[in-house]
Each structure stands twice: as C-alpha cells, then as structure tokens.
Amino acid sequence: MNDDRSAVEAATVVTDTSHIDERAAAFFDVDNTLVHGASIYWFARGLAARRYFRHRDLLQFVWQQARFRIRGKELGGGSINEIKESALSFVAGRRVADFVALGEEIFDDTIEAKIWSGTQALADAHLAAGQQVWLVTATPVELAEIIARRLGFTGAIGTVGEVHDGVYTGRLVSDIMHGPAKAEAIRELAKREDLDLDLCTAYSDSSNDMPMLKAVGHAVAINPDAALRRQARHHGWQVRDFRTGRKAAKFAVPAVVAGAVVGAIAGGAAWKRRGAARRAMSPNGRPKP
C-alpha cells in the first residue's frame, strides 16, 4: 500500500466538499473498498481460531460467500435463495452478545490493520465537513457496526440476521445487502435522515454496487475491479487505487478465500496443539511422566 501518499491524495479529493450542507452523506462499501480483502473472512477466521464453529462449517460458509461475491449478478433465483437460507447458518443458536464480543476482539486483532488508510482519509474528510458517513455492506450488520463505531463513522447498513430472545436463528430477516438492495437501503436512509442523494457520495470497488453508485450525485471507484473501472471511465467518475499492484484487482477475492481457509485451519490447529501441550503438563509446569 502507498499508505502515506494515498491518504494525503484521498483527503485532497474531498476537500472541496466542505461547503456541502448537512443533507449530504457518504456511503462506503467495506470489502476491498475500506478493508483490504473481505471483512467477513477475517471475522470468520478469527471465530474459527477461537473454536466458535467447526472448520467444516467455515469451509462451506467461505465457499458460499465467495460464490455470491464473485458471481452475484449471474446467479439465478434458486441459487440466491439457497445462499440466503444458509448465509448465517454458522451462527444459528449462538447468542448475539457473544458474537459481538468476539467481533470486537477480532477487529482489534486483525481488521484494524486491514483498513485502507486512503479510504479512511476520505471518510474522515466527509466527517470533518459535517457530513454523515455510513458503511453499506453484505457483512452481518453487527460486524459492520463494530467497524463503523471503531472508526468513528455515523453507522452501518448490513445484512440482518433473525434473532429470537437474543439468539440467532440462522435465517435472514430480508435480502443480503448486495446489489440493488444497497441502493434501496440508502434511499430509505435518505428519507429517514432527510438527506439529498444528489449531494451524496458513494464509494465501492465492485461493479456489483452500480445500483448504489448510480443512486447518488457523486460516485468514486476505490480499488476498482475491471468492470467498475470501465464504468467509471464511461461515467466520468473519480478513481482512487490504494493497492500497490494492479494484479491484486483480479485476484483479491480468491486470495482472501484461500487465506481465510488456510488461516482458520492453521489457527485452529495451533489452538489444539496448545491445548494438548497444556494437558501434557503437570500442575507444576513440568511434563507429565
């Protein structure tokens, strides 16, 4: 990452927006836009390392989420429904409070270091101009809210899981926050917060977010995939790339998938080795005979 240079350039981009009134807001996608890689994979890896669920569940979850992320616009209704039904199955029966507490730990351990400093500088400049800053992401809303709160943003819009008596059922309340659902969500937010979408700005890395980008007056492509880069050129949108190499654009998501799986399995294996070592020690700290 060209952190220092990118952060300065990013802040400069929004300096001219300081005159915009409080009816303006900024909407940020999370994965590969604000966070290097996919936030849900970093969270899932952290949860697996803490033995929150089985590695088999992680593998299935990672595959489904990667399929949705990479081919979201191509999947048919049946496939989308299948993914929706199992989107949060890995937390079924778990208490929301426990999930959030672990999410806070994982943010401190992993996510904070994955934030693109250039993107954060953009968000901070909007805040300094008196504008609201919202995350809009397919990530579970509880995790999105952790990121937003820790970075001092206004709030987060994310995928909402069904909860009964403080426990996840594993089902979704509505659609995954993806594609057209993001555009609809910011329209509803604009009504509630009395925002003027023509004054608002949206940021994303993915062409899947074209509905959200087109719903506002100002769109910016951050670390764009090839399709979004073409769209940005066509529409005359600003492009900001905080990656060190363009090769990352093509392989960012698959690399994260592989890293999450390998990392989670390795983390779980290390946890087991430490547990076995503890069991092999006598109370005085010496190996058992």
Protein backbone atom coordinates (compact mmCIF):
# COMPACT_ATOMS: atom_id res chain seq x y z
CA MET A 1 0.00 0.00 0.00
CA ASN A 2 1.11 3.53 -0.69
CA ASP A 3 -0.36 4.49 2.67
CA ASP A 4 1.07 7.94 3.32
CA ARG A 5 0.81 9.26 -0.21
CA SER A 6 -2.61 7.71 -0.79
CA ALA A 7 -4.03 9.12 2.43
CA VAL A 8 -2.96 12.65 1.50
CA GLU A 9 -4.30 12.32 -2.04
CA ALA A 10 -7.56 10.86 -0.76
CA ALA A 11 -8.12 13.67 1.71
CA THR A 12 -7.46 16.19 -1.03
CA VAL A 13 -10.19 14.66 -3.18
CA VAL A 14 -12.96 15.67 -0.78
CA THR A 15 -11.57 19.00 0.42
CA ASP A 16 -13.86 20.82 -2.00
CA THR A 17 -16.95 19.18 -0.48
CA SER A 18 -16.66 21.16 2.76
CA HIS A 19 -19.26 23.64 1.52
CA ILE A 20 -21.91 20.92 1.19
CA ASP A 21 -24.62 21.13 3.84
CA GLU A 22 -25.64 18.50 6.34
CA ARG A 23 -28.07 16.93 3.88
CA ALA A 24 -25.04 15.31 2.24
CA ALA A 25 -23.64 11.95 3.30
CA ALA A 26 -21.05 9.44 2.17
CA PHE A 27 -21.74 5.73 1.69
CA PHE A 28 -18.84 3.28 1.74
CA ASP A 29 -18.75 -0.34 0.69
CA VAL A 30 -16.49 -2.34 3.02
CA ASP A 31 -14.79 -5.28 1.30
CA ASN A 32 -11.78 -4.18 -0.80
CA THR A 33 -13.02 -0.59 -0.51
CA LEU A 34 -12.42 0.17 3.16
CA VAL A 35 -10.95 -3.16 4.28
CA HIS A 36 -8.16 -4.93 2.44
CA GLY A 37 -9.88 -8.15 1.41
CA ALA A 38 -13.25 -9.37 2.63
CA SER A 39 -14.15 -8.44 6.19
CA ILE A 40 -16.38 -11.46 6.77
CA TYR A 41 -13.49 -13.83 6.01
CA TRP A 42 -11.24 -12.10 8.54
CA PHE A 43 -14.02 -12.30 11.10
CA ALA A 44 -14.76 -15.93 10.21
CA ARG A 45 -11.09 -16.85 10.50
CA GLY A 46 -10.95 -15.24 13.93
CA LEU A 47 -14.09 -17.05 15.03
CA ALA A 48 -12.75 -20.40 13.83
CA ALA A 49 -9.43 -19.81 15.61
CA ARG A 50 -11.46 -19.26 18.78
CA ARG A 51 -13.33 -22.53 18.13
CA TYR A 52 -16.61 -20.67 17.67
CA PHE A 53 -17.62 -23.18 14.99
CA ARG A 54 -16.24 -26.20 13.15
CA HIS A 55 -13.79 -25.79 10.26
CA ARG A 56 -16.19 -27.74 8.05
CA ASP A 57 -18.77 -25.03 8.63
CA LEU A 58 -16.18 -22.38 7.79
CA LEU A 59 -15.27 -24.07 4.51
CA GLN A 60 -18.92 -24.23 3.46
CA PHE A 61 -19.55 -20.65 4.52
CA VAL A 62 -16.47 -19.31 2.74
CA TRP A 63 -17.38 -21.09 -0.47
CA GLN A 64 -20.94 -19.76 -0.46
CA GLN A 65 -19.89 -16.20 0.30
CA ALA A 66 -17.13 -16.26 -2.33
CA ARG A 67 -19.58 -17.59 -4.91
CA PHE A 68 -22.02 -14.80 -4.08
CA ARG A 69 -19.31 -12.13 -4.06
CA ILE A 70 -17.74 -13.17 -7.38
CA ARG A 71 -20.86 -14.20 -9.32
CA GLY A 72 -23.63 -12.32 -7.55
CA LYS A 73 -25.08 -10.80 -10.71
CA GLU A 74 -25.00 -14.13 -12.60
CA LEU A 75 -26.64 -16.43 -10.08
CA GLY A 76 -30.24 -17.42 -10.64
CA GLY A 77 -33.07 -17.04 -8.16
CA GLY A 78 -32.71 -20.59 -6.86
CA SER A 79 -29.03 -20.17 -6.11
CA ILE A 80 -29.59 -16.80 -4.45
CA ASN A 81 -32.32 -18.27 -2.24
CA GLU A 82 -30.07 -21.17 -1.30
CA ILE A 83 -27.31 -18.78 -0.24
CA LYS A 84 -29.78 -16.60 1.64
CA GLU A 85 -31.12 -19.57 3.59
CA SER A 86 -27.63 -20.60 4.73
CA ALA A 87 -25.97 -17.17 4.85
CA LEU A 88 -25.89 -17.04 8.66
CA SER A 89 -26.32 -20.74 9.44
CA PHE A 90 -22.90 -20.77 11.11
CA VAL A 91 -24.23 -18.59 13.95
CA ALA A 92 -27.54 -20.40 14.43
CA GLY A 93 -28.16 -20.97 18.12
CA ARG A 94 -25.46 -18.51 19.17
CA ARG A 95 -26.05 -15.50 21.39
CA VAL A 96 -25.77 -12.15 19.66
CA ALA A 97 -23.89 -10.66 22.62
CA ASP A 98 -21.21 -13.37 22.40
CA PHE A 99 -20.87 -12.88 18.65
CA VAL A 100 -20.43 -9.13 19.05
CA ALA A 101 -17.91 -9.50 21.89
CA LEU A 102 -15.76 -11.80 19.76
CA GLY A 103 -16.19 -9.43 16.83
CA GLU A 104 -14.72 -6.63 18.93
CA GLU A 105 -11.69 -8.80 19.72
CA ILE A 106 -11.21 -9.74 16.08
CA PHE A 107 -11.39 -6.11 15.00
CA ASP A 108 -8.56 -5.29 17.41
CA ASP A 109 -6.51 -8.35 16.44
CA THR A 110 -6.97 -8.28 12.67
CA ILE A 111 -9.41 -5.90 10.98
CA GLU A 112 -7.93 -2.63 12.23
CA ALA A 113 -4.65 -3.40 10.47
CA LYS A 114 -6.52 -4.17 7.22
CA ILE A 115 -8.13 -0.72 6.86
CA TRP A 116 -7.03 1.16 3.74
CA SER A 117 -5.66 4.41 5.15
CA GLY A 118 -6.53 6.29 1.95
CA THR A 119 -10.18 5.27 2.18
CA GLN A 120 -10.32 6.14 5.85
CA ALA A 121 -8.91 9.58 4.99
CA LEU A 122 -11.78 10.07 2.55
CA ALA A 123 -14.32 9.14 5.21
CA ASP A 124 -12.67 11.36 7.80
CA ALA A 125 -12.78 14.32 5.42
CA HIS A 126 -16.54 13.84 4.95
CA LEU A 127 -16.97 13.76 8.72
CA ALA A 128 -14.87 16.91 9.09
CA ALA A 129 -17.18 18.59 6.58
CA GLY A 130 -20.13 17.84 8.87
CA GLN A 131 -21.49 15.00 6.75
CA GLN A 132 -22.75 11.59 7.81
CA VAL A 133 -20.64 8.56 6.88
CA TRP A 134 -22.30 5.16 6.54
CA LEU A 135 -20.98 1.69 5.74
CA VAL A 136 -23.19 -0.26 3.34
CA THR A 137 -22.16 -3.91 3.16
CA ALA A 138 -23.25 -7.52 2.82
CA THR A 139 -21.37 -8.23 6.05
CA PRO A 140 -23.65 -9.03 9.04
CA VAL A 141 -24.85 -5.72 10.44
CA GLU A 142 -23.44 -6.40 13.92
CA LEU A 143 -19.93 -6.72 12.50
CA ALA A 144 -20.40 -3.72 10.21
CA GLU A 145 -21.48 -1.66 13.22
CA ILE A 146 -18.30 -2.63 15.06
CA ILE A 147 -16.17 -1.30 12.19
CA ALA A 148 -18.24 1.88 11.90
CA ARG A 149 -18.16 2.54 15.64
CA ARG A 150 -14.42 1.93 15.98
CA LEU A 151 -13.66 4.27 13.06
CA GLY A 152 -16.00 6.99 14.33
CA PHE A 153 -18.48 6.75 11.45
CA THR A 154 -22.18 7.56 11.73
CA GLY A 155 -23.43 4.00 11.38
CA ALA A 156 -23.71 0.89 9.23
CA ILE A 157 -26.21 -0.82 6.99
CA GLY A 158 -25.61 -4.57 6.66
CA THR A 159 -27.20 -7.96 6.28
CA VAL A 160 -29.66 -8.53 9.13
CA GLY A 161 -29.98 -11.92 10.74
CA GLU A 162 -33.13 -13.07 12.51
CA VAL A 163 -32.83 -13.02 16.31
CA HIS A 164 -35.13 -14.63 18.88
CA ASP A 165 -34.57 -13.99 22.59
CA GLY A 166 -31.08 -12.71 21.88
CA VAL A 167 -30.10 -15.80 19.87
CA TYR A 168 -29.54 -16.09 16.12
CA THR A 169 -31.92 -18.42 14.29
CA GLY A 170 -29.55 -18.70 11.30
CA ARG A 171 -32.11 -17.15 8.94
CA LEU A 172 -32.14 -13.69 7.39
CA VAL A 173 -34.73 -11.03 8.09
CA SER A 174 -34.58 -9.80 4.48
CA ASP A 175 -32.25 -9.89 1.49
CA ILE A 176 -28.48 -9.97 1.67
CA MET A 177 -27.30 -6.36 1.49
CA HIS A 178 -25.97 -6.64 -2.05
CA GLY A 179 -26.54 -5.04 -5.45
CA PRO A 180 -29.96 -3.37 -5.76
CA ALA A 181 -30.61 -3.92 -2.03
CA LYS A 182 -27.87 -1.38 -1.23
CA ALA A 183 -29.47 1.27 -3.43
CA GLU A 184 -32.86 0.69 -1.82
CA ALA A 185 -31.32 0.85 1.64
CA ILE A 186 -29.66 4.22 1.10
CA ARG A 187 -32.88 5.61 -0.40
CA GLU A 188 -34.75 4.58 2.75
CA LEU A 189 -31.98 6.05 4.90
CA ALA A 190 -32.09 9.30 2.93
CA LYS A 191 -35.80 9.64 3.66
CA ARG A 192 -35.32 8.94 7.34
CA GLU A 193 -32.33 11.27 7.75
CA ASP A 194 -33.59 13.96 5.34
CA LEU A 195 -30.60 13.52 3.04
CA ASP A 196 -30.38 14.74 -0.54
CA LEU A 197 -28.93 11.87 -2.56
CA ASP A 198 -27.87 14.28 -5.30
CA LEU A 199 -25.45 15.77 -2.76
CA CYS A 200 -24.26 12.39 -1.51
CA THR A 201 -21.20 10.36 -2.48
CA ALA A 202 -20.83 6.58 -2.75
CA TYR A 203 -17.61 4.58 -2.79
CA SER A 204 -17.10 1.00 -3.95
CA ASP A 205 -14.62 -1.39 -5.55
CA SER A 206 -17.15 -3.58 -7.34
CA SER A 207 -19.41 -3.34 -10.35
CA ASN A 208 -21.96 -5.22 -8.24
CA ASP A 209 -22.52 -1.89 -6.49
CA MET A 210 -23.51 0.00 -9.63
CA PRO A 211 -27.10 0.50 -8.33
CA MET A 212 -25.76 2.30 -5.24
CA LEU A 213 -23.20 4.30 -7.20
CA LYS A 214 -25.86 5.46 -9.67
CA ALA A 215 -28.27 6.39 -6.87
CA VAL A 216 -26.12 9.30 -5.66
CA GLY A 217 -24.87 12.51 -7.21
CA HIS A 218 -21.19 11.64 -6.84
CA ALA A 219 -19.61 8.20 -7.28
CA VAL A 220 -16.00 7.20 -6.67
CA ALA A 221 -14.40 3.90 -7.62
CA ILE A 222 -11.96 2.69 -4.95
CA ASN A 223 -9.55 -0.13 -5.87
CA PRO A 224 -11.97 -0.98 -8.70
CA ASP A 225 -12.40 -4.31 -10.42
CA ALA A 226 -12.05 -4.26 -14.21
CA ALA A 227 -15.77 -3.86 -14.86
CA LEU A 228 -16.13 -0.94 -12.45
CA ARG A 229 -13.04 0.74 -13.87
CA ARG A 230 -14.69 0.66 -17.30
CA GLN A 231 -17.93 2.03 -15.86
CA ALA A 232 -16.08 4.79 -14.03
CA ARG A 233 -14.37 5.80 -17.24
CA HIS A 234 -17.70 5.79 -19.07
CA HIS A 235 -19.47 7.93 -16.44
CA GLY A 236 -16.53 10.20 -15.71
CA TRP A 237 -16.29 9.08 -12.08
CA GLN A 238 -13.19 9.56 -9.97
CA VAL A 239 -10.97 6.51 -9.44
CA ARG A 240 -8.70 6.04 -6.44
CA ASP A 241 -6.48 2.95 -6.25
CA PHE A 242 -4.64 2.36 -2.98
CA ARG A 243 -3.16 -1.01 -3.95
CA THR A 244 0.49 -1.48 -4.77
CA GLY A 245 -0.18 -3.65 -7.81
CA ARG A 246 -2.95 -3.93 -10.36
CA LYS A 247 -2.64 -7.71 -10.24
CA ALA A 248 -4.43 -7.54 -6.89
CA ALA A 249 -7.57 -6.32 -8.64
CA LYS A 250 -8.05 -9.61 -10.44
CA PHE A 251 -7.12 -11.96 -7.65
CA ALA A 252 -8.15 -10.10 -4.49
CA VAL A 253 -11.25 -12.12 -3.61
CA PRO A 254 -9.95 -15.63 -4.44
CA ALA A 255 -6.77 -14.88 -2.48
CA VAL A 256 -8.79 -13.85 0.54
CA VAL A 257 -10.87 -17.01 0.31
CA ALA A 258 -7.79 -19.20 0.25
CA GLY A 259 -6.14 -17.21 3.00
CA ALA A 260 -9.17 -17.41 5.23
CA VAL A 261 -9.49 -21.16 4.90
CA VAL A 262 -5.81 -21.88 5.37
CA GLY A 263 -5.52 -19.33 8.19
CA ALA A 264 -8.53 -20.65 10.04
CA ILE A 265 -7.39 -24.25 9.82
CA ALA A 266 -3.88 -23.28 10.87
CA GLY A 267 -5.25 -21.18 13.72
CA GLY A 268 -7.48 -23.99 14.89
CA ALA A 269 -4.62 -26.48 14.67
CA ALA A 270 -2.38 -24.20 16.71
CA TRP A 271 -5.14 -23.82 19.31
CA LYS A 272 -5.42 -27.61 19.54
CA ARG A 273 -1.63 -28.01 19.84
CA ARG A 274 -1.53 -25.52 22.70
CA GLY A 275 -4.41 -27.33 24.39
CA ALA A 276 -2.65 -30.67 24.01
CA ALA A 277 0.56 -29.18 25.40
CA ARG A 278 -1.30 -27.84 28.43
CA ARG A 279 -2.91 -31.21 29.06
CA ALA A 280 0.51 -32.90 28.85
CA MET A 281 1.93 -30.70 31.62
CA SER A 282 1.70 -31.45 35.30
CA PRO A 283 0.39 -28.76 37.72
CA ASN A 284 3.98 -27.65 38.46
CA GLY A 285 4.57 -26.86 34.82
CA ARG A 286 6.75 -29.90 34.12
CA PRO A 287 5.98 -32.59 31.55
CA LYS A 288 3.93 -35.46 32.90
CA PRO A 289 5.84 -38.73 33.19
